[in-house]
Amino acid sequence: MLEHSDLQAIRDIMKEEIGRSENLVQDIIKTEIGGSENLLKDIIKTEIGRSENLVLNEVDRVQENLETKMEQLKRNMDELTQYYRTVKLDHENNALFLQMIQEIKKEVNELKMKIA
């Protein structure tokens, strides 16, 4: 049978070994968690970069579409402006033409009066 001092020595050795094992497990867990954190950080950075690129590409695409539509709108506005200038000139010419006709009518009436 083991004596009390032998049991105490075994208990002390077991406590010491369990303490070492606990420390070793804690160190391993810290290392693994640190590695996982770094891996997650890298993955998150990569995914954020990819997402930013996707958003920027989409913004560029939308901007190009808007610029194209704005250019088309400007061309349409220029065309409308030319059309309204032409219509305005047409109205002015028609007004002048009517005025000339009225003057000619007046002159014809005056000539009729002289002849009659």
N, C-alpha and C. Protein backbone atom coordinates (compact mmCIF):
# COMPACT_ATOMS: atom_id res chain seq x y z
N MET A 1 0.82 -1.17 0.00
CA MET A 1 0.00 0.00 0.00
C MET A 1 0.87 1.24 0.00
N LEU A 2 0.35 2.28 -0.63
CA LEU A 2 1.13 3.51 -0.75
C LEU A 2 0.96 4.36 0.50
N GLU A 3 1.99 4.99 0.86
CA GLU A 3 1.96 5.86 2.02
C GLU A 3 1.38 7.21 1.63
N HIS A 4 1.00 7.93 2.65
CA HIS A 4 0.39 9.24 2.46
C HIS A 4 1.32 10.18 1.68
N SER A 5 2.58 10.16 1.95
CA SER A 5 3.54 11.02 1.27
C SER A 5 3.67 10.64 -0.19
N ASP A 6 3.59 9.32 -0.49
CA ASP A 6 3.65 8.87 -1.88
C ASP A 6 2.41 9.34 -2.64
N LEU A 7 1.25 9.25 -2.00
CA LEU A 7 0.00 9.72 -2.62
C LEU A 7 0.07 11.21 -2.89
N GLN A 8 0.62 11.93 -1.92
CA GLN A 8 0.73 13.39 -2.08
C GLN A 8 1.67 13.71 -3.23
N ALA A 9 2.75 12.97 -3.37
CA ALA A 9 3.71 13.19 -4.44
C ALA A 9 3.05 12.92 -5.79
N ILE A 10 2.25 11.84 -5.86
CA ILE A 10 1.54 11.51 -7.10
C ILE A 10 0.54 12.61 -7.44
N ARG A 11 -0.17 13.08 -6.42
CA ARG A 11 -1.13 14.16 -6.62
C ARG A 11 -0.43 15.43 -7.13
N ASP A 12 0.70 15.75 -6.55
CA ASP A 12 1.45 16.94 -6.97
C ASP A 12 1.91 16.81 -8.43
N ILE A 13 2.40 15.62 -8.78
CA ILE A 13 2.85 15.37 -10.15
C ILE A 13 1.67 15.48 -11.12
N MET A 14 0.53 14.91 -10.71
CA MET A 14 -0.67 14.97 -11.56
C MET A 14 -1.14 16.41 -11.75
N LYS A 15 -1.12 17.19 -10.65
CA LYS A 15 -1.52 18.60 -10.74
C LYS A 15 -0.61 19.34 -11.70
N GLU A 16 0.68 19.07 -11.57
CA GLU A 16 1.67 19.73 -12.41
C GLU A 16 1.46 19.36 -13.88
N GLU A 17 1.24 18.07 -14.14
CA GLU A 17 1.03 17.60 -15.52
C GLU A 17 -0.28 18.14 -16.09
N ILE A 18 -1.32 18.15 -15.26
CA ILE A 18 -2.61 18.69 -15.71
C ILE A 18 -2.46 20.19 -16.00
N GLY A 19 -1.73 20.90 -15.16
CA GLY A 19 -1.47 22.33 -15.38
C GLY A 19 -0.74 22.56 -16.69
N ARG A 20 0.28 21.73 -16.96
CA ARG A 20 1.02 21.84 -18.23
C ARG A 20 0.10 21.56 -19.41
N SER A 21 -0.71 20.51 -19.26
CA SER A 21 -1.65 20.15 -20.34
C SER A 21 -2.63 21.29 -20.59
N GLU A 22 -3.15 21.87 -19.48
CA GLU A 22 -4.07 22.99 -19.63
C GLU A 22 -3.40 24.15 -20.35
N ASN A 23 -2.18 24.47 -19.94
CA ASN A 23 -1.44 25.57 -20.58
C ASN A 23 -1.19 25.27 -22.06
N LEU A 24 -0.81 24.01 -22.34
CA LEU A 24 -0.56 23.62 -23.72
C LEU A 24 -1.83 23.73 -24.56
N VAL A 25 -2.95 23.26 -24.01
CA VAL A 25 -4.24 23.34 -24.72
C VAL A 25 -4.62 24.81 -24.93
N GLN A 26 -4.43 25.64 -23.90
CA GLN A 26 -4.75 27.05 -24.02
C GLN A 26 -3.91 27.72 -25.10
N ASP A 27 -2.61 27.37 -25.13
CA ASP A 27 -1.72 27.93 -26.15
C ASP A 27 -2.15 27.49 -27.55
N ILE A 28 -2.49 26.22 -27.67
CA ILE A 28 -2.94 25.70 -28.97
C ILE A 28 -4.22 26.40 -29.40
N ILE A 29 -5.16 26.56 -28.47
CA ILE A 29 -6.44 27.22 -28.78
C ILE A 29 -6.20 28.67 -29.18
N LYS A 30 -5.34 29.39 -28.44
CA LYS A 30 -5.01 30.78 -28.78
C LYS A 30 -4.41 30.87 -30.19
N THR A 31 -3.50 29.95 -30.48
CA THR A 31 -2.86 29.94 -31.80
C THR A 31 -3.89 29.68 -32.90
N GLU A 32 -4.75 28.69 -32.66
CA GLU A 32 -5.76 28.35 -33.66
C GLU A 32 -6.76 29.50 -33.86
N ILE A 33 -7.18 30.10 -32.74
CA ILE A 33 -8.12 31.22 -32.83
C ILE A 33 -7.46 32.39 -33.55
N GLY A 34 -6.20 32.66 -33.22
CA GLY A 34 -5.47 33.74 -33.91
C GLY A 34 -5.38 33.48 -35.40
N GLY A 35 -5.06 32.24 -35.75
CA GLY A 35 -4.99 31.88 -37.18
C GLY A 35 -6.34 32.03 -37.86
N SER A 36 -7.39 31.60 -37.17
CA SER A 36 -8.74 31.73 -37.72
C SER A 36 -9.12 33.20 -37.90
N GLU A 37 -8.77 34.02 -36.90
CA GLU A 37 -9.07 35.45 -36.99
C GLU A 37 -8.36 36.08 -38.19
N ASN A 38 -7.08 35.73 -38.36
CA ASN A 38 -6.32 36.27 -39.50
C ASN A 38 -6.91 35.81 -40.82
N LEU A 39 -7.29 34.53 -40.87
CA LEU A 39 -7.90 33.99 -42.09
C LEU A 39 -9.21 34.71 -42.39
N LEU A 40 -10.03 34.90 -41.35
CA LEU A 40 -11.31 35.61 -41.53
C LEU A 40 -11.07 37.05 -41.97
N LYS A 41 -10.09 37.72 -41.37
CA LYS A 41 -9.77 39.09 -41.77
C LYS A 41 -9.40 39.15 -43.25
N ASP A 42 -8.56 38.22 -43.68
CA ASP A 42 -8.15 38.18 -45.08
C ASP A 42 -9.33 37.93 -46.00
N ILE A 43 -10.18 36.99 -45.62
CA ILE A 43 -11.36 36.68 -46.43
C ILE A 43 -12.28 37.89 -46.50
N ILE A 44 -12.50 38.54 -45.34
CA ILE A 44 -13.37 39.71 -45.30
C ILE A 44 -12.80 40.84 -46.15
N LYS A 45 -11.48 41.09 -46.05
CA LYS A 45 -10.84 42.12 -46.87
C LYS A 45 -11.03 41.82 -48.35
N THR A 46 -10.82 40.57 -48.73
CA THR A 46 -10.97 40.17 -50.12
C THR A 46 -12.40 40.38 -50.60
N GLU A 47 -13.35 39.94 -49.79
CA GLU A 47 -14.76 40.07 -50.18
C GLU A 47 -15.21 41.52 -50.22
N ILE A 48 -14.73 42.32 -49.27
CA ILE A 48 -15.07 43.75 -49.29
C ILE A 48 -14.48 44.40 -50.54
N GLY A 49 -13.25 44.06 -50.87
CA GLY A 49 -12.63 44.59 -52.09
C GLY A 49 -13.40 44.19 -53.32
N ARG A 50 -13.82 42.93 -53.37
CA ARG A 50 -14.59 42.45 -54.52
C ARG A 50 -15.93 43.19 -54.60
N SER A 51 -16.57 43.36 -53.45
CA SER A 51 -17.85 44.06 -53.42
C SER A 51 -17.69 45.52 -53.85
N GLU A 52 -16.63 46.16 -53.37
CA GLU A 52 -16.37 47.55 -53.77
C GLU A 52 -16.18 47.63 -55.28
N ASN A 53 -15.43 46.69 -55.83
CA ASN A 53 -15.21 46.69 -57.28
C ASN A 53 -16.51 46.50 -58.04
N LEU A 54 -17.37 45.60 -57.54
CA LEU A 54 -18.66 45.39 -58.19
C LEU A 54 -19.50 46.67 -58.16
N VAL A 55 -19.51 47.32 -57.00
CA VAL A 55 -20.29 48.56 -56.86
C VAL A 55 -19.72 49.64 -57.77
N LEU A 56 -18.41 49.79 -57.79
CA LEU A 56 -17.78 50.80 -58.65
C LEU A 56 -18.04 50.52 -60.12
N ASN A 57 -17.97 49.25 -60.51
CA ASN A 57 -18.26 48.90 -61.90
C ASN A 57 -19.70 49.24 -62.25
N GLU A 58 -20.61 48.97 -61.34
CA GLU A 58 -22.02 49.27 -61.58
C GLU A 58 -22.24 50.78 -61.66
N VAL A 59 -21.57 51.52 -60.79
CA VAL A 59 -21.67 52.99 -60.84
C VAL A 59 -21.14 53.50 -62.17
N ASP A 60 -20.01 52.96 -62.64
CA ASP A 60 -19.46 53.35 -63.94
C ASP A 60 -20.44 53.05 -65.06
N ARG A 61 -21.06 51.88 -65.00
CA ARG A 61 -22.02 51.49 -66.04
C ARG A 61 -23.22 52.44 -66.05
N VAL A 62 -23.72 52.75 -64.86
CA VAL A 62 -24.87 53.66 -64.76
C VAL A 62 -24.48 55.04 -65.26
N GLN A 63 -23.28 55.48 -64.90
CA GLN A 63 -22.80 56.80 -65.34
C GLN A 63 -22.70 56.84 -66.86
N GLU A 64 -22.16 55.80 -67.46
CA GLU A 64 -22.05 55.75 -68.92
C GLU A 64 -23.43 55.79 -69.57
N ASN A 65 -24.38 55.04 -69.00
CA ASN A 65 -25.75 55.05 -69.53
C ASN A 65 -26.36 56.43 -69.42
N LEU A 66 -26.17 57.07 -68.27
CA LEU A 66 -26.73 58.41 -68.08
C LEU A 66 -26.09 59.41 -69.03
N GLU A 67 -24.77 59.30 -69.22
CA GLU A 67 -24.09 60.20 -70.16
C GLU A 67 -24.62 60.00 -71.57
N THR A 68 -24.83 58.76 -71.97
CA THR A 68 -25.37 58.47 -73.29
C THR A 68 -26.76 59.07 -73.44
N LYS A 69 -27.59 58.89 -72.41
CA LYS A 69 -28.95 59.43 -72.46
C LYS A 69 -28.94 60.95 -72.46
N MET A 70 -28.01 61.54 -71.70
CA MET A 70 -27.91 63.00 -71.67
C MET A 70 -27.47 63.53 -73.03
N GLU A 71 -26.55 62.85 -73.69
CA GLU A 71 -26.12 63.26 -75.02
C GLU A 71 -27.30 63.17 -76.00
N GLN A 72 -28.07 62.09 -75.91
CA GLN A 72 -29.24 61.93 -76.78
C GLN A 72 -30.25 63.03 -76.50
N LEU A 73 -30.45 63.33 -75.23
CA LEU A 73 -31.38 64.39 -74.84
C LEU A 73 -30.91 65.74 -75.38
N LYS A 74 -29.61 66.00 -75.31
CA LYS A 74 -29.06 67.25 -75.85
C LYS A 74 -29.28 67.32 -77.36
N ARG A 75 -29.04 66.22 -78.05
CA ARG A 75 -29.28 66.21 -79.50
C ARG A 75 -30.75 66.48 -79.81
N ASN A 76 -31.63 65.85 -79.02
CA ASN A 76 -33.07 66.08 -79.22
C ASN A 76 -33.44 67.53 -78.95
N MET A 77 -32.86 68.10 -77.90
CA MET A 77 -33.14 69.51 -77.58
C MET A 77 -32.62 70.43 -78.70
N ASP A 78 -31.44 70.13 -79.21
CA ASP A 78 -30.90 70.93 -80.32
C ASP A 78 -31.81 70.84 -81.54
N GLU A 79 -32.29 69.63 -81.81
CA GLU A 79 -33.20 69.43 -82.95
C GLU A 79 -34.50 70.20 -82.74
N LEU A 80 -35.04 70.14 -81.53
CA LEU A 80 -36.27 70.89 -81.22
C LEU A 80 -36.04 72.39 -81.33
N THR A 81 -34.90 72.85 -80.86
CA THR A 81 -34.58 74.28 -80.96
C THR A 81 -34.53 74.71 -82.43
N GLN A 82 -33.88 73.90 -83.26
CA GLN A 82 -33.83 74.22 -84.70
C GLN A 82 -35.23 74.21 -85.30
N TYR A 83 -36.04 73.24 -84.90
CA TYR A 83 -37.41 73.15 -85.42
C TYR A 83 -38.19 74.40 -85.04
N TYR A 84 -38.12 74.82 -83.78
CA TYR A 84 -38.87 76.00 -83.35
C TYR A 84 -38.34 77.27 -83.99
N ARG A 85 -37.05 77.35 -84.24
CA ARG A 85 -36.51 78.51 -84.98
C ARG A 85 -37.08 78.55 -86.38
N THR A 86 -37.12 77.37 -87.00
CA THR A 86 -37.67 77.29 -88.36
C THR A 86 -39.14 77.67 -88.36
N VAL A 87 -39.91 77.18 -87.40
CA VAL A 87 -41.33 77.50 -87.30
C VAL A 87 -41.51 78.99 -87.07
N LYS A 88 -40.70 79.56 -86.20
CA LYS A 88 -40.78 81.00 -85.92
C LYS A 88 -40.50 81.81 -87.19
N LEU A 89 -39.44 81.43 -87.90
CA LEU A 89 -39.14 82.12 -89.16
C LEU A 89 -40.27 81.94 -90.16
N ASP A 90 -40.84 80.75 -90.19
CA ASP A 90 -41.99 80.49 -91.08
C ASP A 90 -43.15 81.42 -90.74
N HIS A 91 -43.45 81.56 -89.46
CA HIS A 91 -44.54 82.45 -89.03
C HIS A 91 -44.23 83.89 -89.40
N GLU A 92 -42.98 84.31 -89.18
CA GLU A 92 -42.60 85.67 -89.54
C GLU A 92 -42.72 85.88 -91.05
N ASN A 93 -42.28 84.89 -91.83
CA ASN A 93 -42.38 85.00 -93.30
C ASN A 93 -43.85 85.04 -93.72
N ASN A 94 -44.68 84.20 -93.11
CA ASN A 94 -46.10 84.20 -93.43
C ASN A 94 -46.74 85.55 -93.10
N ALA A 95 -46.35 86.12 -91.96
CA ALA A 95 -46.89 87.41 -91.56
C ALA A 95 -46.46 88.48 -92.57
N LEU A 96 -45.19 88.45 -92.97
CA LEU A 96 -44.71 89.40 -93.98
C LEU A 96 -45.42 89.18 -95.31
N PHE A 97 -45.62 87.92 -95.67
CA PHE A 97 -46.29 87.59 -96.92
C PHE A 97 -47.73 88.12 -96.90
N LEU A 98 -48.44 87.90 -95.77
CA LEU A 98 -49.81 88.41 -95.64
C LEU A 98 -49.82 89.94 -95.70
N GLN A 99 -48.85 90.57 -95.08
CA GLN A 99 -48.77 92.02 -95.10
C GLN A 99 -48.55 92.50 -96.54
N MET A 100 -47.67 91.80 -97.26
CA MET A 100 -47.42 92.16 -98.67
C MET A 100 -48.69 91.98 -99.49
N ILE A 101 -49.41 90.89 -99.24
CA ILE A 101 -50.66 90.65 -99.98
C ILE A 101 -51.66 91.76 -99.69
N GLN A 102 -51.75 92.16 -98.44
CA GLN A 102 -52.68 93.23 -98.07
C GLN A 102 -52.27 94.54 -98.73
N GLU A 103 -50.97 94.82 -98.80
CA GLU A 103 -50.49 96.02 -99.46
C GLU A 103 -50.80 95.98 -100.95
N ILE A 104 -50.59 94.78 -101.54
CA ILE A 104 -50.88 94.63 -102.98
C ILE A 104 -52.37 94.79 -103.21
N LYS A 105 -53.23 94.23 -102.33
CA LYS A 105 -54.68 94.39 -102.45
C LYS A 105 -55.05 95.87 -102.39
N LYS A 106 -54.41 96.55 -101.44
CA LYS A 106 -54.67 97.97 -101.29
C LYS A 106 -54.29 98.72 -102.57
N GLU A 107 -53.12 98.40 -103.11
CA GLU A 107 -52.67 99.05 -104.34
C GLU A 107 -53.60 98.72 -105.51
N VAL A 108 -54.03 97.44 -105.57
CA VAL A 108 -54.95 97.02 -106.65
C VAL A 108 -56.25 97.80 -106.52
N ASN A 109 -56.76 97.92 -105.28
CA ASN A 109 -58.01 98.67 -105.07
C ASN A 109 -57.82 100.14 -105.46
N GLU A 110 -56.66 100.69 -105.12
CA GLU A 110 -56.39 102.08 -105.50
C GLU A 110 -56.34 102.24 -107.01
N LEU A 111 -55.71 101.24 -107.67
CA LEU A 111 -55.64 101.29 -109.14
C LEU A 111 -57.03 101.13 -109.75
N LYS A 112 -57.85 100.26 -109.15
CA LYS A 112 -59.22 100.08 -109.64
C LYS A 112 -59.97 101.39 -109.53
N MET A 113 -59.75 102.08 -108.42
CA MET A 113 -60.44 103.35 -108.20
C MET A 113 -60.00 104.40 -109.22
N LYS A 114 -58.71 104.39 -109.56
CA LYS A 114 -58.19 105.34 -110.53
C LYS A 114 -58.72 105.03 -111.93
N ILE A 115 -58.81 103.75 -112.21
CA ILE A 115 -59.27 103.31 -113.54
C ILE A 115 -60.76 103.58 -113.67
N ALA A 116 -61.49 103.39 -112.63
CA ALA A 116 -62.93 103.52 -112.71
C ALA A 116 -63.42 104.91 -112.75
